[in-house]
């Protein structure tokens, strides 16, 4: 995992790599697959992936890590809460989050970021887990929200 002093620099490098690799690509699934790989490789997190909004639940999308939960109802767990409240959620200790869904027992902390389309509709959530407690902070939130914003103008109808 990246040291705190190097975190912003690593995220800036990550964003540059994502722009170079994905610029001009309209397909959200390609973005989700590419970003899952880039975020995990660059930042060293335990689990990085997307859950796609389908009706009133989240379906697993591209991810990197151990086997993830396949379906999450809106309002359930951190991902479901993020989809309902439409804002980033940082959880320093997942065992203290009411209704946490333990997809992998090794997960200790989590950040989930909503991904919106050009009309402001929630299309996915970016879910990142760490095996350490209290991993995520405002720096992670700021950069991951920038990354989610890069996905705003994609052709979301491709996966509807």
Protein backbone atom coordinates (compact mmCIF):
# COMPACT_ATOMS: atom_id res chain seq x y z
CA UNK A 1 0.00 0.00 0.00
CA UNK A 2 1.15 3.56 -0.70
CA UNK A 3 2.59 5.64 2.14
CA UNK A 4 0.41 8.60 3.14
CA UNK A 5 3.04 11.13 2.00
CA UNK A 6 3.07 9.61 -1.48
CA UNK A 7 -0.69 9.10 -1.81
CA UNK A 8 -1.59 12.27 -3.74
CA UNK A 9 1.33 11.76 -6.11
CA UNK A 10 0.27 8.15 -6.73
CA UNK A 11 -3.32 9.22 -7.44
CA UNK A 12 -2.12 11.90 -9.87
CA UNK A 13 -0.06 9.26 -11.67
CA UNK A 14 -3.09 6.95 -11.66
CA UNK A 15 -5.31 9.60 -13.24
CA UNK A 16 -2.68 10.25 -15.94
CA UNK A 17 -2.48 6.51 -16.72
CA UNK A 18 -6.29 6.25 -16.85
CA UNK A 19 -6.58 9.24 -19.18
CA UNK A 20 -3.89 7.83 -21.49
CA UNK A 21 -5.38 4.33 -21.54
CA UNK A 22 -9.09 5.15 -21.68
CA UNK A 23 -9.45 8.57 -23.31
CA UNK A 24 -11.94 8.41 -26.16
CA UNK A 25 -13.38 5.07 -25.03
CA UNK A 26 -17.18 5.39 -24.61
CA UNK A 27 -17.95 1.94 -23.10
CA UNK A 28 -18.48 1.98 -19.30
CA UNK A 29 -17.57 -1.71 -18.89
CA UNK A 30 -14.18 -1.10 -20.47
CA UNK A 31 -13.67 1.86 -18.13
CA UNK A 32 -14.70 -0.19 -15.09
CA UNK A 33 -12.37 -3.05 -16.04
CA UNK A 34 -9.47 -0.73 -16.77
CA UNK A 35 -9.93 1.40 -13.68
CA UNK A 36 -10.28 -1.64 -11.41
CA UNK A 37 -6.92 -2.86 -12.64
CA UNK A 38 -5.20 0.54 -12.57
CA UNK A 39 -6.42 1.49 -9.09
CA UNK A 40 -5.47 -1.85 -7.57
CA UNK A 41 -2.06 -2.00 -9.27
CA UNK A 42 -1.19 1.62 -8.52
CA UNK A 43 -2.55 1.91 -4.98
CA UNK A 44 -2.18 -1.67 -3.75
CA UNK A 45 -5.66 -2.02 -2.30
CA UNK A 46 -7.08 -5.46 -1.40
CA UNK A 47 -10.24 -5.26 -3.53
CA UNK A 48 -11.24 -2.73 -6.20
CA UNK A 49 -14.34 -2.97 -8.31
CA UNK A 50 -17.63 -1.65 -9.50
CA UNK A 51 -21.22 -2.53 -8.80
CA UNK A 52 -23.64 -1.54 -11.58
CA UNK A 53 -27.10 -0.13 -10.87
CA UNK A 54 -29.82 -2.41 -12.24
CA UNK A 55 -33.29 -1.53 -10.97
CA UNK A 56 -33.18 -1.41 -7.17
CA UNK A 57 -30.03 -3.43 -6.73
CA UNK A 58 -26.35 -3.40 -7.53
CA UNK A 59 -24.88 -6.14 -9.73
CA UNK A 60 -21.20 -6.89 -9.62
CA UNK A 61 -19.23 -5.41 -12.47
CA UNK A 62 -15.58 -5.63 -13.35
CA UNK A 63 -13.31 -5.97 -10.32
CA UNK A 64 -9.87 -7.04 -9.12
CA UNK A 65 -9.54 -9.13 -5.97
CA UNK A 66 -11.18 -12.07 -4.24
CA UNK A 67 -14.67 -13.22 -5.16
CA UNK A 68 -17.16 -10.38 -4.55
CA UNK A 69 -20.82 -10.34 -3.63
CA UNK A 70 -22.82 -10.74 -6.83
CA UNK A 71 -25.96 -8.73 -5.93
CA UNK A 72 -26.50 -6.06 -3.32
CA UNK A 73 -29.95 -4.54 -2.68
CA UNK A 74 -30.18 -0.76 -2.45
CA UNK A 75 -29.79 0.31 1.16
CA UNK A 76 -27.86 -2.84 2.22
CA UNK A 77 -24.22 -2.64 3.26
CA UNK A 78 -21.86 0.18 2.38
CA UNK A 79 -22.39 -0.12 -1.38
CA UNK A 80 -26.17 -0.15 -1.07
CA UNK A 81 -26.07 2.85 1.28
CA UNK A 82 -23.86 4.76 -1.16
CA UNK A 83 -26.28 4.06 -4.01
CA UNK A 84 -29.25 5.33 -1.96
CA UNK A 85 -27.56 8.39 -0.43
CA UNK A 86 -25.61 9.26 -3.59
CA UNK A 87 -22.48 10.29 -1.70
CA UNK A 88 -19.10 8.82 -0.89
CA UNK A 89 -18.93 6.73 2.25
CA UNK A 90 -15.69 6.07 4.13
CA UNK A 91 -15.79 3.28 6.70
CA UNK A 92 -12.70 3.05 8.99
CA UNK A 93 -13.87 -0.29 10.48
CA UNK A 94 -16.37 -2.30 8.45
CA UNK A 95 -17.33 -4.30 11.55
CA UNK A 96 -18.79 -1.11 13.04
CA UNK A 97 -20.94 -0.29 9.98
CA UNK A 98 -24.60 -1.29 10.60
CA UNK A 99 -25.64 -3.90 8.06
CA UNK A 100 -22.17 -4.38 6.59
CA UNK A 101 -22.07 -7.23 4.07
CA UNK A 102 -18.94 -9.31 4.56
CA UNK A 103 -18.07 -10.44 1.04
CA UNK A 104 -14.56 -11.27 2.28
CA UNK A 105 -13.63 -11.64 5.94
CA UNK A 106 -10.22 -10.04 5.32
CA UNK A 107 -11.73 -6.63 4.56
CA UNK A 108 -11.27 -4.15 7.43
CA UNK A 109 -11.97 -0.72 5.95
CA UNK A 110 -13.79 0.50 2.86
CA UNK A 111 -14.58 3.47 0.66
CA UNK A 112 -17.47 3.53 -1.81
CA UNK A 113 -17.89 6.30 -4.39
CA UNK A 114 -21.01 6.86 -6.52
CA UNK A 115 -20.61 7.09 -10.30
CA UNK A 116 -23.08 9.38 -12.07
CA UNK A 117 -23.99 9.80 -15.74
CA UNK A 118 -24.33 13.10 -17.59
CA UNK A 119 -27.90 13.51 -16.24
CA UNK A 120 -26.81 12.98 -12.64
CA UNK A 121 -28.28 9.47 -12.35
CA UNK A 122 -26.34 6.95 -10.28
CA UNK A 123 -25.04 4.31 -12.70
CA UNK A 124 -22.54 2.45 -10.52
CA UNK A 125 -20.53 2.57 -7.34
CA UNK A 126 -16.77 2.19 -7.07
CA UNK A 127 -16.02 -0.06 -4.09
CA UNK A 128 -12.54 -0.33 -2.57
CA UNK A 129 -11.58 -2.48 0.41
CA UNK A 130 -8.44 -2.67 2.51
CA UNK A 131 -7.17 -5.37 4.86
CA UNK A 132 -6.10 -2.60 7.26
CA UNK A 133 -8.32 -0.50 9.50
CA UNK A 134 -8.70 3.24 8.84
CA UNK A 135 -7.05 3.15 5.41
CA UNK A 136 -9.14 5.75 3.60
CA UNK A 137 -9.26 9.51 4.14
CA UNK A 138 -10.19 12.76 2.43
CA UNK A 139 -7.31 12.41 -0.04
CA UNK A 140 -8.68 9.08 -1.25
CA UNK A 141 -12.17 10.54 -1.45
CA UNK A 142 -11.07 13.58 -3.46
CA UNK A 143 -9.11 11.60 -6.03
CA UNK A 144 -11.58 8.73 -6.33
CA UNK A 145 -14.41 11.21 -6.88
CA UNK A 146 -12.32 12.77 -9.66
CA UNK A 147 -11.91 9.33 -11.20
CA UNK A 148 -15.68 8.70 -10.97
CA UNK A 149 -16.29 12.10 -12.58
CA UNK A 150 -14.18 10.98 -15.57
CA UNK A 151 -16.93 8.42 -16.26
CA UNK A 152 -19.81 10.91 -16.39
CA UNK A 153 -20.06 11.21 -20.18
CA UNK A 154 -19.73 7.54 -21.08
CA UNK A 155 -22.40 5.73 -23.10
CA UNK A 156 -24.20 4.22 -20.12
CA UNK A 157 -27.00 2.88 -22.34
CA UNK A 158 -24.55 0.17 -23.45
CA UNK A 159 -25.03 -1.62 -20.11
CA UNK A 160 -28.61 -0.64 -19.29
